[in-house]
Amino acid sequence: MEATLVRLGNEDGNHIFLELQEEYSLSSRKSHQARVSLVEFVIGKFGGSVKAIIGLADLHKLLENCMYLYENLTGHFFFLDAANEIFEFELSGDGLGHIKVSGHIYDSPGSPSKLDFSFAIDQTQLKVVADDLRKALATQ
């Protein structure tokens, strides 16, 4: 299976990239299918990557919420890789096209070591996230 990249932010600035890799089964139920993912992040002068398991249902919800925020410019939603809780973030729209991205990235499940982050993107970048997610989900 080919890896798919979901881009949140700019490659030359603050960003979180989800490289969705091989399939992973959380259980025998189809609704519990997931993708092993490499989460790459650059926040200011900090950068790195962690592995995470992201449920397909979570990716569908992320797509739905990104499109809602893209179309309405206001609101907020929370995303957590529920399988191992390595990273979480919230997107908040101010109604003017400015989207605040804030959250935490942990170095391992259950670890107290974490990077708190916050950066802003333009509302139009949510369309890129949605397009990336559609491509990733079409291969399922």
N, C-alpha and C. Protein backbone atom coordinates (compact mmCIF):
# COMPACT_ATOMS: atom_id res chain seq x y z
N MET A 1 0.85 -1.18 0.00
CA MET A 1 0.00 0.00 0.00
C MET A 1 0.89 1.25 0.00
N GLU A 2 0.57 2.17 -0.84
CA GLU A 2 1.33 3.42 -0.94
C GLU A 2 0.98 4.35 0.21
N ALA A 3 2.00 4.98 0.78
CA ALA A 3 1.78 5.95 1.85
C ALA A 3 1.11 7.20 1.28
N THR A 4 0.24 7.81 2.07
CA THR A 4 -0.45 9.03 1.68
C THR A 4 -0.13 10.10 2.70
N LEU A 5 0.15 11.30 2.22
CA LEU A 5 0.50 12.41 3.09
C LEU A 5 -0.69 13.34 3.29
N VAL A 6 -1.01 13.62 4.55
CA VAL A 6 -2.04 14.61 4.90
C VAL A 6 -1.30 15.79 5.52
N ARG A 7 -1.43 16.97 4.91
CA ARG A 7 -0.65 18.14 5.29
C ARG A 7 -1.50 19.18 6.00
N LEU A 8 -1.09 19.52 7.21
CA LEU A 8 -1.74 20.58 7.98
C LEU A 8 -0.69 21.64 8.25
N GLY A 9 -0.77 22.76 7.53
CA GLY A 9 0.24 23.80 7.63
C GLY A 9 1.12 23.83 6.39
N ASN A 10 2.15 24.64 6.42
CA ASN A 10 3.04 24.81 5.27
C ASN A 10 4.34 24.05 5.46
N GLU A 11 4.82 23.44 4.39
CA GLU A 11 6.07 22.68 4.46
C GLU A 11 7.24 23.54 4.91
N ASP A 12 7.22 24.82 4.55
CA ASP A 12 8.33 25.71 4.91
C ASP A 12 8.08 26.48 6.20
N GLY A 13 7.05 26.08 6.95
CA GLY A 13 6.74 26.76 8.21
C GLY A 13 6.21 25.76 9.23
N ASN A 14 5.44 26.25 10.18
CA ASN A 14 4.84 25.36 11.18
C ASN A 14 3.90 24.38 10.49
N HIS A 15 4.04 23.10 10.84
CA HIS A 15 3.15 22.12 10.23
C HIS A 15 3.12 20.81 11.01
N ILE A 16 2.08 20.06 10.73
CA ILE A 16 1.96 18.68 11.15
C ILE A 16 1.60 17.91 9.89
N PHE A 17 2.41 16.94 9.55
CA PHE A 17 2.15 16.08 8.40
C PHE A 17 1.87 14.68 8.92
N LEU A 18 0.81 14.07 8.44
CA LEU A 18 0.50 12.68 8.76
C LEU A 18 0.82 11.84 7.54
N GLU A 19 1.80 10.99 7.65
CA GLU A 19 2.12 10.08 6.56
C GLU A 19 1.42 8.76 6.88
N LEU A 20 0.28 8.55 6.22
CA LEU A 20 -0.53 7.36 6.48
C LEU A 20 0.09 6.19 5.75
N GLN A 21 0.52 5.20 6.51
CA GLN A 21 1.26 4.07 5.95
C GLN A 21 0.39 2.82 5.93
N GLU A 22 0.91 1.70 6.39
CA GLU A 22 0.21 0.44 6.22
C GLU A 22 -1.05 0.34 7.08
N GLU A 23 -1.93 -0.56 6.64
CA GLU A 23 -3.17 -0.80 7.36
C GLU A 23 -2.88 -1.48 8.70
N TYR A 24 -3.77 -1.26 9.64
CA TYR A 24 -3.62 -1.82 10.98
C TYR A 24 -5.03 -2.13 11.48
N SER A 25 -5.22 -3.28 12.08
CA SER A 25 -6.53 -3.66 12.57
C SER A 25 -6.58 -3.52 14.09
N LEU A 26 -7.48 -2.70 14.57
CA LEU A 26 -7.67 -2.54 16.00
C LEU A 26 -8.51 -3.68 16.56
N SER A 27 -9.33 -4.29 15.70
CA SER A 27 -10.12 -5.47 16.05
C SER A 27 -10.59 -6.09 14.74
N SER A 28 -11.39 -7.12 14.82
CA SER A 28 -11.87 -7.78 13.61
C SER A 28 -13.00 -7.00 12.93
N ARG A 29 -13.55 -6.00 13.60
CA ARG A 29 -14.64 -5.22 13.03
C ARG A 29 -14.12 -4.20 12.02
N LYS A 30 -14.82 -4.07 10.90
CA LYS A 30 -14.42 -3.13 9.85
C LYS A 30 -14.34 -1.71 10.39
N SER A 31 -15.22 -1.35 11.32
CA SER A 31 -15.24 0.01 11.87
C SER A 31 -14.01 0.30 12.73
N HIS A 32 -13.23 -0.72 13.03
CA HIS A 32 -12.03 -0.54 13.86
C HIS A 32 -10.75 -0.64 13.04
N GLN A 33 -10.82 -0.37 11.75
CA GLN A 33 -9.63 -0.38 10.91
C GLN A 33 -8.86 0.92 11.10
N ALA A 34 -7.56 0.86 10.90
CA ALA A 34 -6.71 2.02 11.17
C ALA A 34 -5.54 2.01 10.20
N ARG A 35 -4.74 3.06 10.29
CA ARG A 35 -3.50 3.16 9.52
C ARG A 35 -2.37 3.50 10.48
N VAL A 36 -1.27 2.79 10.34
CA VAL A 36 -0.05 3.17 11.05
C VAL A 36 0.42 4.45 10.37
N SER A 37 0.79 5.44 11.15
CA SER A 37 1.12 6.75 10.60
C SER A 37 2.39 7.30 11.23
N LEU A 38 3.14 7.99 10.43
CA LEU A 38 4.27 8.75 10.92
C LEU A 38 3.79 10.20 11.03
N VAL A 39 3.85 10.76 12.22
CA VAL A 39 3.42 12.14 12.45
C VAL A 39 4.68 12.99 12.49
N GLU A 40 4.88 13.79 11.46
CA GLU A 40 6.03 14.70 11.41
C GLU A 40 5.54 16.08 11.81
N PHE A 41 6.33 16.76 12.64
CA PHE A 41 5.92 18.08 13.07
C PHE A 41 7.10 19.04 13.06
N VAL A 42 6.82 20.26 12.72
CA VAL A 42 7.77 21.37 12.86
C VAL A 42 6.97 22.51 13.49
N ILE A 43 7.39 22.89 14.68
CA ILE A 43 6.73 23.97 15.42
C ILE A 43 7.84 24.91 15.86
N GLY A 44 7.94 26.05 15.20
CA GLY A 44 9.03 26.97 15.50
C GLY A 44 10.36 26.27 15.23
N LYS A 45 11.24 26.25 16.23
CA LYS A 45 12.54 25.60 16.08
C LYS A 45 12.51 24.13 16.48
N PHE A 46 11.36 23.64 16.92
CA PHE A 46 11.23 22.25 17.33
C PHE A 46 10.72 21.41 16.16
N GLY A 47 11.21 20.21 16.06
CA GLY A 47 10.75 19.33 15.01
C GLY A 47 11.06 17.89 15.35
N GLY A 48 10.35 16.99 14.73
CA GLY A 48 10.58 15.58 14.95
C GLY A 48 9.47 14.76 14.36
N SER A 49 9.42 13.51 14.76
CA SER A 49 8.35 12.63 14.28
C SER A 49 8.08 11.55 15.32
N VAL A 50 6.86 11.07 15.34
CA VAL A 50 6.44 9.97 16.20
C VAL A 50 5.53 9.06 15.37
N LYS A 51 5.46 7.79 15.76
CA LYS A 51 4.55 6.85 15.12
C LYS A 51 3.23 6.86 15.88
N ALA A 52 2.14 6.74 15.16
CA ALA A 52 0.81 6.71 15.77
C ALA A 52 -0.07 5.75 14.99
N ILE A 53 -1.13 5.31 15.62
CA ILE A 53 -2.16 4.50 14.97
C ILE A 53 -3.39 5.39 14.88
N ILE A 54 -3.88 5.62 13.66
CA ILE A 54 -5.02 6.51 13.47
C ILE A 54 -6.17 5.72 12.87
N GLY A 55 -7.29 5.70 13.56
CA GLY A 55 -8.47 4.98 13.09
C GLY A 55 -9.06 5.61 11.85
N LEU A 56 -9.57 4.75 10.95
CA LEU A 56 -10.21 5.27 9.73
C LEU A 56 -11.43 6.11 10.07
N ALA A 57 -12.16 5.73 11.11
CA ALA A 57 -13.31 6.54 11.53
C ALA A 57 -12.86 7.93 11.97
N ASP A 58 -11.70 8.01 12.62
CA ASP A 58 -11.16 9.31 13.03
C ASP A 58 -10.78 10.15 11.82
N LEU A 59 -10.24 9.51 10.78
CA LEU A 59 -9.89 10.25 9.56
C LEU A 59 -11.13 10.77 8.85
N HIS A 60 -12.20 9.96 8.83
CA HIS A 60 -13.46 10.42 8.23
C HIS A 60 -14.01 11.61 9.00
N LYS A 61 -13.96 11.55 10.33
CA LYS A 61 -14.44 12.66 11.16
C LYS A 61 -13.59 13.92 10.95
N LEU A 62 -12.27 13.73 10.82
CA LEU A 62 -11.38 14.87 10.56
C LEU A 62 -11.75 15.52 9.23
N LEU A 63 -12.01 14.73 8.21
CA LEU A 63 -12.43 15.27 6.91
C LEU A 63 -13.73 16.06 7.04
N GLU A 64 -14.71 15.48 7.70
CA GLU A 64 -16.00 16.15 7.89
C GLU A 64 -15.83 17.48 8.64
N ASN A 65 -15.03 17.48 9.69
CA ASN A 65 -14.84 18.70 10.48
C ASN A 65 -14.03 19.76 9.74
N CYS A 66 -13.03 19.34 8.99
CA CYS A 66 -12.26 20.31 8.19
C CYS A 66 -13.15 20.99 7.15
N MET A 67 -14.02 20.22 6.51
CA MET A 67 -14.91 20.81 5.51
C MET A 67 -15.91 21.76 6.17
N TYR A 68 -16.42 21.40 7.34
CA TYR A 68 -17.34 22.29 8.05
C TYR A 68 -16.64 23.61 8.37
N LEU A 69 -15.44 23.53 8.91
CA LEU A 69 -14.70 24.74 9.28
C LEU A 69 -14.33 25.55 8.04
N TYR A 70 -13.97 24.87 6.95
CA TYR A 70 -13.64 25.54 5.69
C TYR A 70 -14.85 26.32 5.16
N GLU A 71 -16.02 25.71 5.23
CA GLU A 71 -17.23 26.33 4.68
C GLU A 71 -17.82 27.40 5.59
N ASN A 72 -17.67 27.25 6.90
CA ASN A 72 -18.34 28.15 7.85
C ASN A 72 -17.41 29.15 8.54
N LEU A 73 -16.11 28.93 8.47
CA LEU A 73 -15.09 29.82 9.03
C LEU A 73 -15.08 29.93 10.55
N THR A 74 -16.07 29.40 11.18
CA THR A 74 -16.14 29.50 12.64
C THR A 74 -16.46 28.13 13.23
N GLY A 75 -16.05 27.96 14.47
CA GLY A 75 -16.26 26.70 15.15
C GLY A 75 -14.93 26.11 15.58
N HIS A 76 -15.00 24.97 16.24
CA HIS A 76 -13.77 24.29 16.63
C HIS A 76 -14.04 22.80 16.78
N PHE A 77 -12.99 22.01 16.64
CA PHE A 77 -13.12 20.59 16.89
C PHE A 77 -11.78 20.05 17.37
N PHE A 78 -11.86 18.89 17.98
CA PHE A 78 -10.74 18.26 18.64
C PHE A 78 -10.41 16.96 17.92
N PHE A 79 -9.12 16.64 17.73
CA PHE A 79 -8.69 15.39 17.10
C PHE A 79 -7.69 14.70 18.01
N LEU A 80 -7.88 13.42 18.23
CA LEU A 80 -7.00 12.61 19.06
C LEU A 80 -6.78 11.28 18.36
N ASP A 81 -5.53 10.83 18.29
CA ASP A 81 -5.32 9.48 17.78
C ASP A 81 -5.67 8.53 18.93
N ALA A 82 -6.90 8.12 18.97
CA ALA A 82 -7.46 7.40 20.11
C ALA A 82 -6.80 6.06 20.38
N ALA A 83 -6.17 5.47 19.37
CA ALA A 83 -5.59 4.15 19.56
C ALA A 83 -4.41 4.15 20.53
N ASN A 84 -3.54 5.15 20.45
CA ASN A 84 -2.39 5.16 21.37
C ASN A 84 -2.10 6.52 21.98
N GLU A 85 -2.90 7.51 21.69
CA GLU A 85 -2.83 8.83 22.32
C GLU A 85 -1.44 9.45 22.30
N ILE A 86 -0.83 9.47 21.11
CA ILE A 86 0.47 10.09 20.91
C ILE A 86 0.32 11.58 20.62
N PHE A 87 -0.74 11.94 19.90
CA PHE A 87 -0.92 13.36 19.61
C PHE A 87 -2.39 13.73 19.59
N GLU A 88 -2.62 15.01 19.85
CA GLU A 88 -3.97 15.56 19.82
C GLU A 88 -3.87 17.01 19.40
N PHE A 89 -4.89 17.46 18.70
CA PHE A 89 -4.91 18.87 18.35
C PHE A 89 -6.34 19.36 18.22
N GLU A 90 -6.46 20.67 18.28
CA GLU A 90 -7.75 21.33 18.13
C GLU A 90 -7.61 22.39 17.05
N LEU A 91 -8.61 22.50 16.20
CA LEU A 91 -8.67 23.56 15.21
C LEU A 91 -9.82 24.48 15.59
N SER A 92 -9.55 25.79 15.62
CA SER A 92 -10.56 26.79 15.98
C SER A 92 -10.58 27.89 14.93
N GLY A 93 -11.76 28.17 14.38
CA GLY A 93 -11.92 29.25 13.42
C GLY A 93 -12.49 30.48 14.07
N ASP A 94 -11.98 31.65 13.68
CA ASP A 94 -12.43 32.90 14.28
C ASP A 94 -13.51 33.61 13.47
N GLY A 95 -13.95 33.01 12.38
CA GLY A 95 -14.98 33.63 11.54
C GLY A 95 -14.42 34.54 10.47
N LEU A 96 -13.11 34.79 10.50
CA LEU A 96 -12.47 35.69 9.53
C LEU A 96 -11.50 34.95 8.61
N GLY A 97 -11.46 33.62 8.70
CA GLY A 97 -10.56 32.83 7.87
C GLY A 97 -9.26 32.46 8.54
N HIS A 98 -9.10 32.82 9.82
CA HIS A 98 -7.90 32.46 10.57
C HIS A 98 -8.20 31.20 11.38
N ILE A 99 -7.37 30.19 11.25
CA ILE A 99 -7.57 28.93 11.95
C ILE A 99 -6.41 28.72 12.91
N LYS A 100 -6.72 28.58 14.19
CA LYS A 100 -5.71 28.30 15.20
C LYS A 100 -5.59 26.79 15.37
N VAL A 101 -4.35 26.29 15.29
CA VAL A 101 -4.06 24.88 15.50
C VAL A 101 -3.30 24.80 16.82
N SER A 102 -3.82 24.05 17.79
CA SER A 102 -3.14 23.91 19.07
C SER A 102 -3.28 22.47 19.55
N GLY A 103 -2.30 22.02 20.32
CA GLY A 103 -2.39 20.66 20.82
C GLY A 103 -1.12 20.21 21.51
N HIS A 104 -0.95 18.88 21.55
CA HIS A 104 0.18 18.25 22.23
C HIS A 104 0.67 17.06 21.41
N ILE A 105 1.95 16.83 21.45
CA ILE A 105 2.56 15.62 20.89
C ILE A 105 3.39 14.99 22.00
N TYR A 106 3.11 13.71 22.29
CA TYR A 106 3.81 12.98 23.35
C TYR A 106 4.90 12.11 22.73
N ASP A 107 5.98 11.87 23.48
CA ASP A 107 7.06 11.06 22.91
C ASP A 107 6.73 9.57 22.90
N SER A 108 5.80 9.12 23.72
CA SER A 108 5.34 7.73 23.71
C SER A 108 4.01 7.65 24.48
N PRO A 109 3.23 6.59 24.26
CA PRO A 109 1.95 6.48 24.97
C PRO A 109 2.14 6.52 26.48
N GLY A 110 1.35 7.34 27.15
CA GLY A 110 1.39 7.44 28.60
C GLY A 110 2.56 8.23 29.16
N SER A 111 3.39 8.79 28.31
CA SER A 111 4.56 9.54 28.76
C SER A 111 4.18 10.93 29.26
N PRO A 112 4.85 11.41 30.30
CA PRO A 112 4.60 12.78 30.73
C PRO A 112 5.35 13.80 29.85
N SER A 113 6.28 13.32 29.03
CA SER A 113 7.05 14.22 28.15
C SER A 113 6.21 14.57 26.93
N LYS A 114 6.00 15.88 26.72
CA LYS A 114 5.17 16.30 25.60
C LYS A 114 5.61 17.66 25.10
N LEU A 115 5.24 17.93 23.87
CA LEU A 115 5.44 19.24 23.27
C LEU A 115 4.07 19.88 23.11
N ASP A 116 3.84 21.00 23.78
CA ASP A 116 2.63 21.78 23.58
C ASP A 116 2.88 22.72 22.41
N PHE A 117 1.91 22.87 21.53
CA PHE A 117 2.13 23.73 20.37
C PHE A 117 0.89 24.54 20.05
N SER A 118 1.12 25.61 19.30
CA SER A 118 0.05 26.45 18.79
C SER A 118 0.60 27.22 17.59
N PHE A 119 -0.13 27.20 16.51
CA PHE A 119 0.23 28.00 15.34
C PHE A 119 -1.05 28.28 14.55
N ALA A 120 -0.96 29.15 13.58
CA ALA A 120 -2.13 29.55 12.80
C ALA A 120 -1.95 29.18 11.34
N ILE A 121 -3.07 28.85 10.71
CA ILE A 121 -3.10 28.62 9.27
C ILE A 121 -4.25 29.44 8.70
N ASP A 122 -4.26 29.57 7.40
CA ASP A 122 -5.34 30.23 6.70
C ASP A 122 -6.44 29.21 6.42
N GLN A 123 -7.67 29.65 6.41
CA GLN A 123 -8.81 28.78 6.17
C GLN A 123 -8.68 28.01 4.86
N THR A 124 -8.06 28.59 3.85
CA THR A 124 -7.93 27.91 2.56
C THR A 124 -7.06 26.66 2.66
N GLN A 125 -6.19 26.59 3.67
CA GLN A 125 -5.35 25.40 3.83
C GLN A 125 -6.16 24.18 4.26
N LEU A 126 -7.35 24.40 4.79
CA LEU A 126 -8.21 23.27 5.17
C LEU A 126 -8.65 22.48 3.95
N LYS A 127 -8.75 23.15 2.81
CA LYS A 127 -9.10 22.46 1.56
C LYS A 127 -8.02 21.47 1.18
N VAL A 128 -6.76 21.82 1.39
CA VAL A 128 -5.64 20.90 1.12
C VAL A 128 -5.74 19.68 2.03
N VAL A 129 -6.03 19.91 3.31
CA VAL A 129 -6.19 18.80 4.26
C VAL A 129 -7.32 17.88 3.79
N ALA A 130 -8.45 18.48 3.41
CA ALA A 130 -9.60 17.69 2.96
C ALA A 130 -9.26 16.89 1.70
N ASP A 131 -8.58 17.50 0.75
CA ASP A 131 -8.20 16.80 -0.48
C ASP A 131 -7.26 15.63 -0.17
N ASP A 132 -6.29 15.86 0.73
CA ASP A 132 -5.37 14.79 1.14
C ASP A 132 -6.13 13.65 1.81
N LEU A 133 -7.08 13.98 2.68
CA LEU A 133 -7.85 12.96 3.37
C LEU A 133 -8.73 12.16 2.40
N ARG A 134 -9.34 12.85 1.45
CA ARG A 134 -10.16 12.15 0.44
C ARG A 134 -9.32 11.15 -0.33
N LYS A 135 -8.12 11.55 -0.70
CA LYS A 135 -7.21 10.65 -1.43
C LYS A 135 -6.87 9.44 -0.56
N ALA A 136 -6.55 9.68 0.70
CA ALA A 136 -6.19 8.58 1.61
C ALA A 136 -7.36 7.64 1.83
N LEU A 137 -8.55 8.18 2.00
CA LEU A 137 -9.71 7.35 2.30
C LEU A 137 -10.23 6.62 1.07
N ALA A 138 -9.94 7.13 -0.12
CA ALA A 138 -10.37 6.47 -1.35
C ALA A 138 -9.64 5.15 -1.57
N THR A 139 -8.48 5.00 -0.98
CA THR A 139 -7.69 3.77 -1.13
C THR A 139 -8.13 2.69 -0.17
N GLN A 140 -9.09 2.97 0.70
CA GLN A 140 -9.54 1.98 1.70
C GLN A 140 -10.58 1.06 1.13
